[in-house]
Amino acid sequence: MDKALRAYATVLRLIRRLPKDTRPYYAKYARENFVNYREVDANDASSLDELFHRAYNHSIWVLNKYKVDESAADKLKDICCG
């Protein structure tokens, strides 16, 4: 749970780097996705790893879409993939 909260907070910080008019959409999208997967079994490490990798990869895709430096997601990479 702690890892998920740290990942969510980091994603929200990354959203602040996006253009102002896109922030509400991505903030809502991120919240919906984290809420949708809160029922995943905390003991199922492979499912959790997959979700964290997906969160990281999607965040990188969005940052690249808006030409935000990928290095901004280094903390998220440490949380999700490290």
Protein backbone atom coordinates (compact mmCIF):
# COMPACT_ATOMS: atom_id res chain seq x y z
CA MET A 1 0.00 0.00 0.00
CA ASP A 2 2.82 2.40 0.89
CA LYS A 3 4.49 1.81 -2.47
CA ALA A 4 1.21 2.50 -4.30
CA LEU A 5 0.69 5.76 -2.41
CA ARG A 6 4.23 6.89 -3.16
CA ALA A 7 3.76 6.02 -6.85
CA TYR A 8 0.44 7.89 -6.97
CA ALA A 9 1.92 10.99 -5.30
CA THR A 10 4.84 10.94 -7.72
CA VAL A 11 2.52 10.62 -10.72
CA LEU A 12 0.57 13.64 -9.47
CA ARG A 13 3.83 15.60 -9.17
CA LEU A 14 4.69 14.65 -12.75
CA ILE A 15 1.29 15.86 -13.91
CA ARG A 16 2.24 19.34 -12.67
CA ARG A 17 4.93 19.39 -15.37
CA LEU A 18 2.37 18.96 -18.14
CA PRO A 19 0.69 21.86 -19.95
CA LYS A 20 -1.84 23.54 -17.69
CA ASP A 21 -4.86 22.68 -19.83
CA THR A 22 -4.06 18.92 -19.76
CA ARG A 23 -3.51 18.58 -16.00
CA PRO A 24 -7.15 18.02 -14.91
CA TYR A 25 -7.60 15.23 -17.46
CA TYR A 26 -4.45 13.35 -16.44
CA ALA A 27 -5.05 13.89 -12.71
CA LYS A 28 -8.51 12.37 -13.07
CA TYR A 29 -7.16 9.56 -15.25
CA ALA A 30 -4.44 8.72 -12.71
CA ARG A 31 -6.88 8.73 -9.80
CA GLU A 32 -9.36 6.49 -11.64
CA ASN A 33 -6.64 3.98 -12.48
CA PHE A 34 -5.23 3.81 -8.97
CA VAL A 35 -8.75 3.47 -7.53
CA ASN A 36 -9.69 0.75 -10.04
CA TYR A 37 -6.75 -1.41 -8.99
CA ARG A 38 -6.93 -0.97 -5.23
CA GLU A 39 -8.61 -4.36 -4.91
CA VAL A 40 -5.57 -6.20 -6.30
CA ASP A 41 -4.28 -8.77 -3.83
CA ALA A 42 -1.35 -7.22 -1.97
CA ASN A 43 0.28 -10.66 -1.77
CA ASP A 44 0.30 -11.15 -5.56
CA ALA A 45 3.74 -9.75 -6.33
CA SER A 46 3.61 -10.41 -10.08
CA SER A 47 0.33 -8.52 -10.53
CA LEU A 48 1.61 -5.61 -8.47
CA ASP A 49 4.89 -5.48 -10.38
CA GLU A 50 2.99 -5.47 -13.66
CA LEU A 51 0.76 -2.60 -12.50
CA PHE A 52 3.71 -0.55 -11.28
CA HIS A 53 5.60 -1.10 -14.55
CA ARG A 54 2.49 -0.10 -16.48
CA ALA A 55 2.16 3.09 -14.39
CA TYR A 56 5.78 3.97 -15.10
CA ASN A 57 5.59 3.19 -18.82
CA HIS A 58 2.38 5.15 -19.27
CA SER A 59 3.86 8.10 -17.39
CA ILE A 60 6.90 8.08 -19.69
CA TRP A 61 4.61 7.95 -22.73
CA VAL A 62 2.65 10.99 -21.51
CA LEU A 63 5.82 12.93 -20.67
CA ASN A 64 7.19 12.23 -24.15
CA LYS A 65 3.90 13.23 -25.75
CA TYR A 66 4.22 16.70 -24.19
CA LYS A 67 8.00 16.85 -24.63
CA VAL A 68 8.76 16.84 -20.90
CA ASP A 69 12.20 15.52 -20.00
CA GLU A 70 11.99 11.81 -19.12
CA SER A 71 14.45 12.28 -16.28
CA ALA A 72 11.59 13.92 -14.37
CA ALA A 73 10.27 10.37 -13.85
CA ASP A 74 13.45 8.99 -12.28
CA LYS A 75 11.84 8.93 -8.82
CA LEU A 76 8.83 7.06 -10.22
CA LYS A 77 11.19 4.58 -11.88
CA ASP A 78 12.89 3.96 -8.53
CA ILE A 79 9.52 3.34 -6.88
CA CYS A 80 7.96 1.21 -9.62
CA CYS A 81 10.89 -0.62 -11.12
CA GLY A 82 13.58 -0.56 -8.48
